[in-house]
């Protein structure tokens, strides 16, 4: 089947939907354990690491199937992470606004860089 075949499109939509369902429910669960700014910080930092890992894994290893990557990145992680909640919480808590923005970006970029290192370690192990 080609990429434009209707069944491929339906499969894509279903995969993204399943991933989105799982991601949003996990975000809700994490938010119930770690409420407020800290919970949003946790999910966004974890999501940055996971998305970074998927990106670098695709570039260097290519072991994860495209369908799995689609369900994980576009479905799960886009529902698990939340920029809009980060923005609203930052505006609603001006006393923490600067710290929240700095922590969010530092942990987000840090997660991506850590993921890059993790993929590099896995890549080196594959060559042993």
PDB file of N, CA and C in Angstrom:
ATOM      1  N   UNK A   1       0.830  -1.184   0.000  1.00  0.00           N
ATOM      2  CA  UNK A   1       0.000   0.000   0.000  1.00  0.00           C
ATOM      3  C   UNK A   1       0.874   1.248   0.000  1.00  0.00           C
ATOM      4  N   UNK A   2       0.404   2.232  -0.678  1.00  0.00           N
ATOM      5  CA  UNK A   2       1.131   3.499  -0.730  1.00  0.00           C
ATOM      6  C   UNK A   2       0.735   4.370   0.458  1.00  0.00           C
ATOM      7  N   UNK A   3       1.523   5.417   0.695  1.00  0.00           N
ATOM      8  CA  UNK A   3       1.246   6.346   1.793  1.00  0.00           C
ATOM      9  C   UNK A   3      -0.115   7.016   1.654  1.00  0.00           C
ATOM     10  N   UNK A   4      -0.613   7.164   0.433  1.00  0.00           N
ATOM     11  CA  UNK A   4      -1.883   7.852   0.229  1.00  0.00           C
ATOM     12  C   UNK A   4      -3.081   6.905   0.291  1.00  0.00           C
ATOM     13  N   UNK A   5      -2.838   5.624   0.461  1.00  0.00           N
ATOM     14  CA  UNK A   5      -3.927   4.656   0.528  1.00  0.00           C
ATOM     15  C   UNK A   5      -4.784   4.941   1.767  1.00  0.00           C
ATOM     16  N   UNK A   6      -6.133   4.870   1.634  1.00  0.00           N
ATOM     17  CA  UNK A   6      -7.019   5.202   2.755  1.00  0.00           C
ATOM     18  C   UNK A   6      -6.757   4.386   4.018  1.00  0.00           C
ATOM     19  N   UNK A   7      -6.371   3.112   3.873  1.00  0.00           N
ATOM     20  CA  UNK A   7      -6.114   2.301   5.057  1.00  0.00           C
ATOM     21  C   UNK A   7      -4.880   2.777   5.813  1.00  0.00           C
ATOM     22  N   UNK A   8      -3.904   3.290   5.103  1.00  0.00           N
ATOM     23  CA  UNK A   8      -2.720   3.838   5.761  1.00  0.00           C
ATOM     24  C   UNK A   8      -3.116   5.067   6.567  1.00  0.00           C
ATOM     25  N   UNK A   9      -3.970   5.885   6.015  1.00  0.00           N
ATOM     26  CA  UNK A   9      -4.437   7.083   6.711  1.00  0.00           C
ATOM     27  C   UNK A   9      -5.243   6.704   7.952  1.00  0.00           C
ATOM     28  N   UNK A  10      -6.120   5.715   7.836  1.00  0.00           N
ATOM     29  CA  UNK A  10      -6.911   5.268   8.981  1.00  0.00           C
ATOM     30  C   UNK A  10      -5.999   4.689  10.055  1.00  0.00           C
ATOM     31  N   UNK A  11      -5.032   3.882   9.641  1.00  0.00           N
ATOM     32  CA  UNK A  11      -4.081   3.313  10.600  1.00  0.00           C
ATOM     33  C   UNK A  11      -3.332   4.429  11.328  1.00  0.00           C
ATOM     34  N   UNK A  12      -2.915   5.436  10.605  1.00  0.00           N
ATOM     35  CA  UNK A  12      -2.198   6.566  11.203  1.00  0.00           C
ATOM     36  C   UNK A  12      -3.066   7.273  12.235  1.00  0.00           C
ATOM     37  N   UNK A  13      -4.298   7.546  11.886  1.00  0.00           N
ATOM     38  CA  UNK A  13      -5.219   8.233  12.794  1.00  0.00           C
ATOM     39  C   UNK A  13      -5.460   7.405  14.050  1.00  0.00           C
ATOM     40  N   UNK A  14      -5.642   6.100  13.878  1.00  0.00           N
ATOM     41  CA  UNK A  14      -5.871   5.219  15.029  1.00  0.00           C
ATOM     42  C   UNK A  14      -4.640   5.177  15.933  1.00  0.00           C
ATOM     43  N   UNK A  15      -3.452   5.064  15.342  1.00  0.00           N
ATOM     44  CA  UNK A  15      -2.222   5.033  16.142  1.00  0.00           C
ATOM     45  C   UNK A  15      -2.039   6.323  16.941  1.00  0.00           C
ATOM     46  N   UNK A  16      -2.270   7.443  16.293  1.00  0.00           N
ATOM     47  CA  UNK A  16      -2.150   8.729  16.990  1.00  0.00           C
ATOM     48  C   UNK A  16      -3.202   8.830  18.096  1.00  0.00           C
ATOM     49  N   UNK A  17      -4.410   8.373  17.817  1.00  0.00           N
ATOM     50  CA  UNK A  17      -5.485   8.408  18.813  1.00  0.00           C
ATOM     51  C   UNK A  17      -5.191   7.550  20.032  1.00  0.00           C
ATOM     52  N   UNK A  18      -4.675   6.349  19.811  1.00  0.00           N
ATOM     53  CA  UNK A  18      -4.321   5.466  20.927  1.00  0.00           C
ATOM     54  C   UNK A  18      -3.203   6.096  21.754  1.00  0.00           C
ATOM     55  N   UNK A  19      -2.194   6.611  21.066  1.00  0.00           N
ATOM     56  CA  UNK A  19      -1.104   7.282  21.778  1.00  0.00           C
ATOM     57  C   UNK A  19      -1.598   8.485  22.554  1.00  0.00           C
ATOM     58  N   UNK A  20      -2.473   9.272  21.942  1.00  0.00           N
ATOM     59  CA  UNK A  20      -3.023  10.451  22.607  1.00  0.00           C
ATOM     60  C   UNK A  20      -3.839  10.096  23.836  1.00  0.00           C
ATOM     61  N   UNK A  21      -4.618   9.038  23.734  1.00  0.00           N
ATOM     62  CA  UNK A  21      -5.413   8.573  24.875  1.00  0.00           C
ATOM     63  C   UNK A  21      -4.500   8.193  26.039  1.00  0.00           C
ATOM     64  N   UNK A  22      -3.470   7.426  25.744  1.00  0.00           N
ATOM     65  CA  UNK A  22      -2.543   6.985  26.791  1.00  0.00           C
ATOM     66  C   UNK A  22      -1.775   8.168  27.385  1.00  0.00           C
ATOM     67  N   UNK A  23      -1.306   9.069  26.538  1.00  0.00           N
ATOM     68  CA  UNK A  23      -0.528  10.213  27.015  1.00  0.00           C
ATOM     69  C   UNK A  23      -1.334  11.146  27.894  1.00  0.00           C
ATOM     70  N   UNK A  24      -2.555  11.441  27.490  1.00  0.00           N
ATOM     71  CA  UNK A  24      -3.373  12.363  28.283  1.00  0.00           C
ATOM     72  C   UNK A  24      -3.761  11.741  29.621  1.00  0.00           C
ATOM     73  N   UNK A  25      -4.009  10.437  29.637  1.00  0.00           N
ATOM     74  CA  UNK A  25      -4.336   9.779  30.900  1.00  0.00           C
ATOM     75  C   UNK A  25      -3.135   9.708  31.834  1.00  0.00           C
ATOM     76  N   UNK A  26      -1.960   9.478  31.278  1.00  0.00           N
ATOM     77  CA  UNK A  26      -0.764   9.466  32.121  1.00  0.00           C
ATOM     78  C   UNK A  26      -0.480  10.866  32.665  1.00  0.00           C
ATOM     79  N   UNK A  27      -0.693  11.884  31.854  1.00  0.00           N
ATOM     80  CA  UNK A  27      -0.508  13.260  32.335  1.00  0.00           C
ATOM     81  C   UNK A  27      -1.473  13.548  33.479  1.00  0.00           C
ATOM     82  N   UNK A  28      -2.712  13.107  33.355  1.00  0.00           N
ATOM     83  CA  UNK A  28      -3.691  13.287  34.426  1.00  0.00           C
ATOM     84  C   UNK A  28      -3.223  12.579  35.699  1.00  0.00           C
ATOM     85  N   UNK A  29      -2.710  11.356  35.557  1.00  0.00           N
ATOM     86  CA  UNK A  29      -2.227  10.581  36.699  1.00  0.00           C
ATOM     87  C   UNK A  29      -1.039  11.280  37.365  1.00  0.00           C
ATOM     88  N   UNK A  30      -0.073  11.711  36.576  1.00  0.00           N
ATOM     89  CA  UNK A  30       1.087  12.421  37.128  1.00  0.00           C
ATOM     90  C   UNK A  30       0.627  13.705  37.818  1.00  0.00           C
ATOM     91  N   UNK A  31      -0.314  14.411  37.204  1.00  0.00           N
ATOM     92  CA  UNK A  31      -0.841  15.635  37.800  1.00  0.00           C
ATOM     93  C   UNK A  31      -1.539  15.392  39.124  1.00  0.00           C
ATOM     94  N   UNK A  32      -2.131  14.217  39.292  1.00  0.00           N
ATOM     95  CA  UNK A  32      -2.766  13.906  40.577  1.00  0.00           C
ATOM     96  C   UNK A  32      -1.723  13.573  41.641  1.00  0.00           C
ATOM     97  N   UNK A  33      -0.576  13.060  41.223  1.00  0.00           N
ATOM     98  CA  UNK A  33       0.510  12.767  42.166  1.00  0.00           C
ATOM     99  C   UNK A  33       1.341  14.004  42.480  1.00  0.00           C
ATOM    100  N   UNK A  34       1.578  14.813  41.452  1.00  0.00           N
ATOM    101  CA  UNK A  34       2.405  16.020  41.588  1.00  0.00           C
ATOM    102  C   UNK A  34       1.605  17.182  40.996  1.00  0.00           C
ATOM    103  N   UNK A  35       0.775  17.845  41.797  1.00  0.00           N
ATOM    104  CA  UNK A  35      -0.097  18.891  41.253  1.00  0.00           C
ATOM    105  C   UNK A  35       0.635  20.208  40.982  1.00  0.00           C
ATOM    106  N   UNK A  36      -0.020  21.045  40.198  1.00  0.00           N
ATOM    107  CA  UNK A  36       0.448  22.408  39.971  1.00  0.00           C
ATOM    108  C   UNK A  36       1.659  22.528  39.074  1.00  0.00           C
ATOM    109  N   UNK A  37       2.422  23.577  39.325  1.00  0.00           N
ATOM    110  CA  UNK A  37       3.601  23.876  38.509  1.00  0.00           C
ATOM    111  C   UNK A  37       4.572  22.703  38.442  1.00  0.00           C
ATOM    112  N   UNK A  38       4.779  22.042  39.562  1.00  0.00           N
ATOM    113  CA  UNK A  38       5.745  20.949  39.595  1.00  0.00           C
ATOM    114  C   UNK A  38       5.311  19.787  38.703  1.00  0.00           C
ATOM    115  N   UNK A  39       4.030  19.472  38.695  1.00  0.00           N
ATOM    116  CA  UNK A  39       3.529  18.394  37.843  1.00  0.00           C
ATOM    117  C   UNK A  39       3.708  18.711  36.369  1.00  0.00           C
ATOM    118  N   UNK A  40       3.418  19.937  35.998  1.00  0.00           N
ATOM    119  CA  UNK A  40       3.611  20.359  34.609  1.00  0.00           C
ATOM    120  C   UNK A  40       5.086  20.316  34.240  1.00  0.00           C
ATOM    121  N   UNK A  41       5.927  20.741  35.155  1.00  0.00           N
ATOM    122  CA  UNK A  41       7.374  20.696  34.936  1.00  0.00           C
ATOM    123  C   UNK A  41       7.847  19.256  34.733  1.00  0.00           C
ATOM    124  N   UNK A  42       7.339  18.337  35.539  1.00  0.00           N
ATOM    125  CA  UNK A  42       7.719  16.922  35.431  1.00  0.00           C
ATOM    126  C   UNK A  42       7.316  16.349  34.077  1.00  0.00           C
ATOM    127  N   UNK A  43       6.051  16.537  33.671  1.00  0.00           N
ATOM    128  CA  UNK A  43       5.622  15.931  32.405  1.00  0.00           C
ATOM    129  C   UNK A  43       6.341  16.551  31.215  1.00  0.00           C
ATOM    130  N   UNK A  44       6.577  17.856  31.255  1.00  0.00           N
ATOM    131  CA  UNK A  44       7.266  18.485  30.125  1.00  0.00           C
ATOM    132  C   UNK A  44       8.735  18.079  30.054  1.00  0.00           C
ATOM    133  N   UNK A  45       9.395  17.921  31.199  1.00  0.00           N
ATOM    134  CA  UNK A  45      10.793  17.473  31.201  1.00  0.00           C
ATOM    135  C   UNK A  45      10.891  16.030  30.713  1.00  0.00           C
ATOM    136  N   UNK A  46      10.029  15.158  31.218  1.00  0.00           N
ATOM    137  CA  UNK A  46      10.032  13.763  30.761  1.00  0.00           C
ATOM    138  C   UNK A  46       9.689  13.667  29.279  1.00  0.00           C
ATOM    139  N   UNK A  47       8.725  14.466  28.851  1.00  0.00           N
ATOM    140  CA  UNK A  47       8.346  14.471  27.441  1.00  0.00           C
ATOM    141  C   UNK A  47       9.462  14.962  26.541  1.00  0.00           C
ATOM    142  N   UNK A  48      10.205  15.962  26.992  1.00  0.00           N
ATOM    143  CA  UNK A  48      11.346  16.460  26.206  1.00  0.00           C
ATOM    144  C   UNK A  48      12.405  15.383  26.054  1.00  0.00           C
ATOM    145  N   UNK A  49      12.682  14.669  27.143  1.00  0.00           N
ATOM    146  CA  UNK A  49      13.647  13.575  27.069  1.00  0.00           C
ATOM    147  C   UNK A  49      13.158  12.503  26.092  1.00  0.00           C
ATOM    148  N   UNK A  50      11.903  12.093  26.241  1.00  0.00           N
ATOM    149  CA  UNK A  50      11.369  11.022  25.394  1.00  0.00           C
ATOM    150  C   UNK A  50      11.342  11.422  23.922  1.00  0.00           C
ATOM    151  N   UNK A  51      10.919  12.641  23.629  1.00  0.00           N
ATOM    152  CA  UNK A  51      10.894  13.085  22.235  1.00  0.00           C
ATOM    153  C   UNK A  51      12.307  13.206  21.679  1.00  0.00           C
ATOM    154  N   UNK A  52      13.217  13.713  22.491  1.00  0.00           N
ATOM    155  CA  UNK A  52      14.619  13.772  22.074  1.00  0.00           C
ATOM    156  C   UNK A  52      15.162  12.391  21.776  1.00  0.00           C
ATOM    157  N   UNK A  53      14.825  11.425  22.623  1.00  0.00           N
ATOM    158  CA  UNK A  53      15.289  10.053  22.402  1.00  0.00           C
ATOM    159  C   UNK A  53      14.737   9.506  21.090  1.00  0.00           C
ATOM    160  N   UNK A  54      13.440   9.704  20.851  1.00  0.00           N
ATOM    161  CA  UNK A  54      12.843   9.219  19.599  1.00  0.00           C
ATOM    162  C   UNK A  54      13.482   9.873  18.381  1.00  0.00           C
ATOM    163  N   UNK A  55      13.744  11.159  18.463  1.00  0.00           N
ATOM    164  CA  UNK A  55      14.353  11.888  17.351  1.00  0.00           C
ATOM    165  C   UNK A  55      15.756  11.371  17.062  1.00  0.00           C
ATOM    166  N   UNK A  56      16.587  11.313  18.094  1.00  0.00           N
ATOM    167  CA  UNK A  56      17.968  10.870  17.878  1.00  0.00           C
ATOM    168  C   UNK A  56      18.042   9.383  17.557  1.00  0.00           C
ATOM    169  N   UNK A  57      17.118   8.603  18.109  1.00  0.00           N
ATOM    170  CA  UNK A  57      17.078   7.181  17.768  1.00  0.00           C
ATOM    171  C   UNK A  57      16.798   7.012  16.284  1.00  0.00           C
ATOM    172  N   UNK A  58      15.869   7.787  15.759  1.00  0.00           N
ATOM    173  CA  UNK A  58      15.535   7.709  14.332  1.00  0.00           C
ATOM    174  C   UNK A  58      16.726   8.113  13.472  1.00  0.00           C
ATOM    175  N   UNK A  59      17.468   9.125  13.913  1.00  0.00           N
ATOM    176  CA  UNK A  59      18.602   9.618  13.129  1.00  0.00           C
ATOM    177  C   UNK A  59      19.790   8.657  13.149  1.00  0.00           C
ATOM    178  N   UNK A  60      20.016   7.988  14.274  1.00  0.00           N
ATOM    179  CA  UNK A  60      21.248   7.218  14.428  1.00  0.00           C
ATOM    180  C   UNK A  60      21.060   5.705  14.435  1.00  0.00           C
ATOM    181  N   UNK A  61      19.926   5.222  14.913  1.00  0.00           N
ATOM    182  CA  UNK A  61      19.739   3.780  15.027  1.00  0.00           C
ATOM    183  C   UNK A  61      18.657   3.254  14.092  1.00  0.00           C
ATOM    184  N   UNK A  62      17.504   3.890  14.107  1.00  0.00           N
ATOM    185  CA  UNK A  62      16.405   3.484  13.241  1.00  0.00           C
ATOM    186  C   UNK A  62      15.798   2.139  13.588  1.00  0.00           C
ATOM    187  N   UNK A  63      15.881   1.737  14.853  1.00  0.00           N
ATOM    188  CA  UNK A  63      15.346   0.448  15.275  1.00  0.00           C
ATOM    189  C   UNK A  63      13.839   0.525  15.502  1.00  0.00           C
ATOM    190  N   UNK A  64      13.383   1.623  16.066  1.00  0.00           N
ATOM    191  CA  UNK A  64      11.961   1.783  16.361  1.00  0.00           C
ATOM    192  C   UNK A  64      11.203   2.001  15.058  1.00  0.00           C
ATOM    193  N   UNK A  65      10.137   1.244  14.870  1.00  0.00           N
ATOM    194  CA  UNK A  65       9.336   1.330  13.645  1.00  0.00           C
ATOM    195  C   UNK A  65       8.695   2.709  13.516  1.00  0.00           C
ATOM    196  N   UNK A  66       8.509   3.143  12.279  1.00  0.00           N
ATOM    197  CA  UNK A  66       7.891   4.449  12.024  1.00  0.00           C
ATOM    198  C   UNK A  66       6.516   4.556  12.677  1.00  0.00           C
ATOM    199  N   UNK A  67       5.745   3.477  12.627  1.00  0.00           N
ATOM    200  CA  UNK A  67       4.401   3.487  13.215  1.00  0.00           C
ATOM    201  C   UNK A  67       4.471   3.690  14.728  1.00  0.00           C
ATOM    202  N   UNK A  68       5.425   3.024  15.360  1.00  0.00           N
ATOM    203  CA  UNK A  68       5.597   3.166  16.805  1.00  0.00           C
ATOM    204  C   UNK A  68       6.034   4.582  17.143  1.00  0.00           C
ATOM    205  N   UNK A  69       6.951   5.107  16.368  1.00  0.00           N
ATOM    206  CA  UNK A  69       7.429   6.471  16.594  1.00  0.00           C
ATOM    207  C   UNK A  69       6.281   7.465  16.421  1.00  0.00           C
ATOM    208  N   UNK A  70       5.434   7.244  15.435  1.00  0.00           N
ATOM    209  CA  UNK A  70       4.289   8.121  15.195  1.00  0.00           C
ATOM    210  C   UNK A  70       3.326   8.084  16.379  1.00  0.00           C
ATOM    211  N   UNK A  71       2.994   6.891  16.847  1.00  0.00           N
ATOM    212  CA  UNK A  71       2.082   6.771  17.987  1.00  0.00           C
ATOM    213  C   UNK A  71       2.695   7.381  19.241  1.00  0.00           C
ATOM    214  N   UNK A  72       3.996   7.186  19.422  1.00  0.00           N
ATOM    215  CA  UNK A  72       4.664   7.693  20.624  1.00  0.00           C
ATOM    216  C   UNK A  72       4.850   9.204  20.579  1.00  0.00           C
ATOM    217  N   UNK A  73       5.349   9.726  19.473  1.00  0.00           N
ATOM    218  CA  UNK A  73       5.670  11.156  19.398  1.00  0.00           C
ATOM    219  C   UNK A  73       4.430  12.007  19.161  1.00  0.00           C
ATOM    220  N   UNK A  74       3.744  11.756  18.075  1.00  0.00           N
ATOM    221  CA  UNK A  74       2.601  12.594  17.717  1.00  0.00           C
ATOM    222  C   UNK A  74       1.400  12.320  18.611  1.00  0.00           C
ATOM    223  N   UNK A  75       1.187  11.077  18.980  1.00  0.00           N
ATOM    224  CA  UNK A  75       0.053  10.740  19.828  1.00  0.00           C
ATOM    225  C   UNK A  75       0.345  10.917  21.303  1.00  0.00           C
ATOM    226  N   UNK A  76       1.172  10.026  21.841  1.00  0.00           N
ATOM    227  CA  UNK A  76       1.423   9.976  23.281  1.00  0.00           C
ATOM    228  C   UNK A  76       2.063  11.255  23.821  1.00  0.00           C
ATOM    229  N   UNK A  77       3.199  11.637  23.260  1.00  0.00           N
ATOM    230  CA  UNK A  77       3.946  12.765  23.832  1.00  0.00           C
ATOM    231  C   UNK A  77       3.252  14.103  23.640  1.00  0.00           C
ATOM    232  N   UNK A  78       2.532  14.262  22.533  1.00  0.00           N
ATOM    233  CA  UNK A  78       1.828  15.537  22.352  1.00  0.00           C
ATOM    234  C   UNK A  78       0.667  15.666  23.333  1.00  0.00           C
ATOM    235  N   UNK A  79       0.130  14.543  23.798  1.00  0.00           N
ATOM    236  CA  UNK A  79      -0.932  14.596  24.805  1.00  0.00           C
ATOM    237  C   UNK A  79      -0.380  14.578  26.224  1.00  0.00           C
ATOM    238  N   UNK A  80       0.794  14.010  26.392  1.00  0.00           N
ATOM    239  CA  UNK A  80       1.418  13.933  27.712  1.00  0.00           C
ATOM    240  C   UNK A  80       1.994  15.285  28.133  1.00  0.00           C
ATOM    241  N   UNK A  81       2.658  15.962  27.213  1.00  0.00           N
ATOM    242  CA  UNK A  81       3.251  17.263  27.520  1.00  0.00           C
ATOM    243  C   UNK A  81       2.226  18.367  27.311  1.00  0.00           C
ATOM    244  N   UNK A  82       2.510  19.536  27.862  1.00  0.00           N
ATOM    245  CA  UNK A  82       1.521  20.599  27.763  1.00  0.00           C
ATOM    246  C   UNK A  82       2.154  21.982  27.841  1.00  0.00           C
ATOM    247  N   UNK A  83       2.261  22.618  26.708  1.00  0.00           N
ATOM    248  CA  UNK A  83       2.791  23.985  26.696  1.00  0.00           C
ATOM    249  C   UNK A  83       1.738  24.968  27.202  1.00  0.00           C
ATOM    250  N   UNK A  84       0.489  24.746  26.844  1.00  0.00           N
ATOM    251  CA  UNK A  84      -0.554  25.702  27.228  1.00  0.00           C
ATOM    252  C   UNK A  84      -0.716  25.770  28.742  1.00  0.00           C
ATOM    253  N   UNK A  85      -0.669  24.633  29.419  1.00  0.00           N
ATOM    254  CA  UNK A  85      -0.769  24.654  30.879  1.00  0.00           C
ATOM    255  C   UNK A  85       0.433  25.359  31.484  1.00  0.00           C
ATOM    256  N   UNK A  86       1.608  25.096  30.931  1.00  0.00           N
ATOM    257  CA  UNK A  86       2.826  25.792  31.380  1.00  0.00           C
ATOM    258  C   UNK A  86       2.641  27.304  31.258  1.00  0.00           C
ATOM    259  N   UNK A  87       2.130  27.772  30.132  1.00  0.00           N
ATOM    260  CA  UNK A  87       1.957  29.210  29.909  1.00  0.00           C
ATOM    261  C   UNK A  87       0.935  29.803  30.876  1.00  0.00           C
ATOM    262  N   UNK A  88      -0.197  29.135  31.039  1.00  0.00           N
ATOM    263  CA  UNK A  88      -1.242  29.645  31.929  1.00  0.00           C
ATOM    264  C   UNK A  88      -0.759  29.653  33.381  1.00  0.00           C
ATOM    265  N   UNK A  89      -0.130  28.560  33.815  1.00  0.00           N
ATOM    266  CA  UNK A  89       0.362  28.512  35.195  1.00  0.00           C
ATOM    267  C   UNK A  89       1.418  29.585  35.451  1.00  0.00           C
ATOM    268  N   UNK A  90       2.226  29.853  34.469  1.00  0.00           N
ATOM    269  CA  UNK A  90       3.253  30.885  34.617  1.00  0.00           C
ATOM    270  C   UNK A  90       2.609  32.257  34.805  1.00  0.00           C
ATOM    271  N   UNK A  91       1.588  32.550  34.027  1.00  0.00           N
ATOM    272  CA  UNK A  91       0.896  33.840  34.146  1.00  0.00           C
ATOM    273  C   UNK A  91       0.139  33.939  35.471  1.00  0.00           C
ATOM    274  N   UNK A  92      -0.446  32.832  35.916  1.00  0.00           N
ATOM    275  CA  UNK A  92      -1.256  32.855  37.135  1.00  0.00           C
ATOM    276  C   UNK A  92      -0.435  32.847  38.424  1.00  0.00           C
ATOM    277  N   UNK A  93       0.841  32.572  38.329  1.00  0.00           N
ATOM    278  CA  UNK A  93       1.699  32.566  39.521  1.00  0.00           C
ATOM    279  C   UNK A  93       2.901  33.482  39.280  1.00  0.00           C
ATOM    280  N   UNK A  94       2.661  34.788  39.256  1.00  0.00           N
ATOM    281  CA  UNK A  94       3.741  35.718  38.918  1.00  0.00           C
ATOM    282  C   UNK A  94       4.944  35.624  39.860  1.00  0.00           C
ATOM    283  N   UNK A  95       4.707  35.218  41.106  1.00  0.00           N
ATOM    284  CA  UNK A  95       5.828  35.094  42.039  1.00  0.00           C
ATOM    285  C   UNK A  95       6.787  33.958  41.656  1.00  0.00           C
ATOM    286  N   UNK A  96       6.318  33.022  40.846  1.00  0.00           N
ATOM    287  CA  UNK A  96       7.142  31.898  40.386  1.00  0.00           C
ATOM    288  C   UNK A  96       7.420  31.956  38.892  1.00  0.00           C
ATOM    289  N   UNK A  97       6.963  32.982  38.221  1.00  0.00           N
ATOM    290  CA  UNK A  97       7.020  33.029  36.757  1.00  0.00           C
ATOM    291  C   UNK A  97       8.434  32.864  36.210  1.00  0.00           C
ATOM    292  N   UNK A  98       9.366  33.654  36.680  1.00  0.00           N
ATOM    293  CA  UNK A  98      10.735  33.590  36.148  1.00  0.00           C
ATOM    294  C   UNK A  98      11.356  32.229  36.442  1.00  0.00           C
ATOM    295  N   UNK A  99      11.208  31.759  37.676  1.00  0.00           N
ATOM    296  CA  UNK A  99      11.771  30.453  38.044  1.00  0.00           C
ATOM    297  C   UNK A  99      11.135  29.336  37.225  1.00  0.00           C
ATOM    298  N   UNK A 100       9.830  29.422  37.007  1.00  0.00           N
ATOM    299  CA  UNK A 100       9.132  28.392  36.241  1.00  0.00           C
ATOM    300  C   UNK A 100       9.604  28.362  34.793  1.00  0.00           C
ATOM    301  N   UNK A 101       9.732  29.523  34.187  1.00  0.00           N
ATOM    302  CA  UNK A 101      10.201  29.584  32.792  1.00  0.00           C
ATOM    303  C   UNK A 101      11.631  29.057  32.693  1.00  0.00           C
ATOM    304  N   UNK A 102      12.501  29.509  33.581  1.00  0.00           N
ATOM    305  CA  UNK A 102      13.896  29.052  33.549  1.00  0.00           C
ATOM    306  C   UNK A 102      13.991  27.548  33.778  1.00  0.00           C
ATOM    307  N   UNK A 103      13.270  27.052  34.769  1.00  0.00           N
ATOM    308  CA  UNK A 103      13.310  25.614  35.058  1.00  0.00           C
ATOM    309  C   UNK A 103      12.737  24.803  33.904  1.00  0.00           C
ATOM    310  N   UNK A 104      11.641  25.269  33.328  1.00  0.00           N
ATOM    311  CA  UNK A 104      11.017  24.533  32.224  1.00  0.00           C
ATOM    312  C   UNK A 104      11.937  24.431  31.017  1.00  0.00           C
ATOM    313  N   UNK A 105      12.534  25.538  30.649  1.00  0.00           N
ATOM    314  CA  UNK A 105      13.429  25.503  29.489  1.00  0.00           C
ATOM    315  C   UNK A 105      14.720  24.749  29.793  1.00  0.00           C
ATOM    316  N   UNK A 106      15.259  24.934  30.987  1.00  0.00           N
ATOM    317  CA  UNK A 106      16.490  24.220  31.351  1.00  0.00           C
ATOM    318  C   UNK A 106      16.256  22.714  31.359  1.00  0.00           C
ATOM    319  N   UNK A 107      15.162  22.277  31.973  1.00  0.00           N
ATOM    320  CA  UNK A 107      14.875  20.844  32.012  1.00  0.00           C
ATOM    321  C   UNK A 107      14.480  20.307  30.641  1.00  0.00           C
ATOM    322  N   UNK A 108      13.793  21.114  29.850  1.00  0.00           N
ATOM    323  CA  UNK A 108      13.427  20.685  28.497  1.00  0.00           C
ATOM    324  C   UNK A 108      14.645  20.469  27.619  1.00  0.00           C
ATOM    325  N   UNK A 109      15.508  21.480  27.561  1.00  0.00           N
ATOM    326  CA  UNK A 109      16.739  21.334  26.769  1.00  0.00           C
ATOM    327  C   UNK A 109      17.651  20.270  27.370  1.00  0.00           C
ATOM    328  N   UNK A 110      17.709  20.237  28.695  1.00  0.00           N
ATOM    329  CA  UNK A 110      18.518  19.214  29.359  1.00  0.00           C
ATOM    330  C   UNK A 110      18.036  17.816  29.038  1.00  0.00           C
ATOM    331  N   UNK A 111      16.726  17.635  28.995  1.00  0.00           N
ATOM    332  CA  UNK A 111      16.163  16.332  28.644  1.00  0.00           C
ATOM    333  C   UNK A 111      16.536  15.901  27.242  1.00  0.00           C
ATOM    334  N   UNK A 112      16.481  16.830  26.306  1.00  0.00           N
ATOM    335  CA  UNK A 112      16.849  16.515  24.919  1.00  0.00           C
ATOM    336  C   UNK A 112      18.333  16.166  24.829  1.00  0.00           C
ATOM    337  N   UNK A 113      19.177  16.932  25.509  1.00  0.00           N
ATOM    338  CA  UNK A 113      20.615  16.649  25.484  1.00  0.00           C
ATOM    339  C   UNK A 113      20.937  15.320  26.157  1.00  0.00           C
ATOM    340  N   UNK A 114      20.256  15.021  27.248  1.00  0.00           N
ATOM    341  CA  UNK A 114      20.445  13.737  27.919  1.00  0.00           C
ATOM    342  C   UNK A 114      19.996  12.585  27.020  1.00  0.00           C
ATOM    343  N   UNK A 115      18.903  12.791  26.304  1.00  0.00           N
ATOM    344  CA  UNK A 115      18.425  11.770  25.362  1.00  0.00           C
ATOM    345  C   UNK A 115      19.446  11.535  24.259  1.00  0.00           C
ATOM    346  N   UNK A 116      20.051  12.609  23.775  1.00  0.00           N
ATOM    347  CA  UNK A 116      21.076  12.466  22.736  1.00  0.00           C
ATOM    348  C   UNK A 116      22.234  11.624  23.258  1.00  0.00           C
ATOM    349  N   UNK A 117      22.635  11.871  24.495  1.00  0.00           N
ATOM    350  CA  UNK A 117      23.717  11.083  25.093  1.00  0.00           C
ATOM    351  C   UNK A 117      23.298   9.626  25.269  1.00  0.00           C
ATOM    352  N   UNK A 118      22.058   9.402  25.667  1.00  0.00           N
ATOM    353  CA  UNK A 118      21.566   8.033  25.851  1.00  0.00           C
ATOM    354  C   UNK A 118      21.592   7.265  24.537  1.00  0.00           C
ATOM    355  N   UNK A 119      21.170   7.899  23.458  1.00  0.00           N
ATOM    356  CA  UNK A 119      21.206   7.245  22.146  1.00  0.00           C
ATOM    357  C   UNK A 119      22.648   6.975  21.736  1.00  0.00           C
ATOM    358  N   UNK A 120      23.549   7.899  22.023  1.00  0.00           N
ATOM    359  CA  UNK A 120      24.964   7.689  21.689  1.00  0.00           C
ATOM    360  C   UNK A 120      25.522   6.482  22.434  1.00  0.00           C
ATOM    361  N   UNK A 121      25.127   6.305  23.686  1.00  0.00           N
ATOM    362  CA  UNK A 121      25.573   5.141  24.461  1.00  0.00           C
ATOM    363  C   UNK A 121      25.025   3.861  23.845  1.00  0.00           C
ATOM    364  N   UNK A 122      23.750   3.863  23.493  1.00  0.00           N
ATOM    365  CA  UNK A 122      23.144   2.685  22.860  1.00  0.00           C
ATOM    366  C   UNK A 122      23.822   2.401  21.529  1.00  0.00           C
ATOM    367  N   UNK A 123      24.105   3.443  20.770  1.00  0.00           N
ATOM    368  CA  UNK A 123      24.757   3.287  19.468  1.00  0.00           C
ATOM    369  C   UNK A 123      26.146   2.666  19.635  1.00  0.00           C
ATOM    370  N   UNK A 124      26.882   3.096  20.628  1.00  0.00           N
ATOM    371  CA  UNK A 124      28.214   2.514  20.878  1.00  0.00           C
ATOM    372  C   UNK A 124      28.104   1.054  21.286  1.00  0.00           C
ATOM    373  N   UNK A 125      27.100   0.699  22.056  1.00  0.00           N
ATOM    374  CA  UNK A 125      26.910  -0.691  22.476  1.00  0.00           C
ATOM    375  C   UNK A 125      26.601  -1.582  21.284  1.00  0.00           C
ATOM    376  N   UNK A 126      25.897  -1.034  20.293  1.00  0.00           N
ATOM    377  CA  UNK A 126      25.567  -1.814  19.096  1.00  0.00           C
ATOM    378  C   UNK A 126      26.802  -2.162  18.284  1.00  0.00           C
ATOM    379  N   UNK A 127      27.864  -1.403  18.436  1.00  0.00           N
ATOM    380  CA  UNK A 127      29.064  -1.657  17.635  1.00  0.00           C
ATOM    381  C   UNK A 127      30.041  -2.580  18.343  1.00  0.00           C
ATOM    382  N   UNK A 128      29.722  -3.019  19.561  1.00  0.00           N
ATOM    383  CA  UNK A 128      30.630  -3.905  20.287  1.00  0.00           C
ATOM    384  C   UNK A 128      30.640  -5.268  19.691  1.00  0.00           C
TER     385      UNK A 128
END
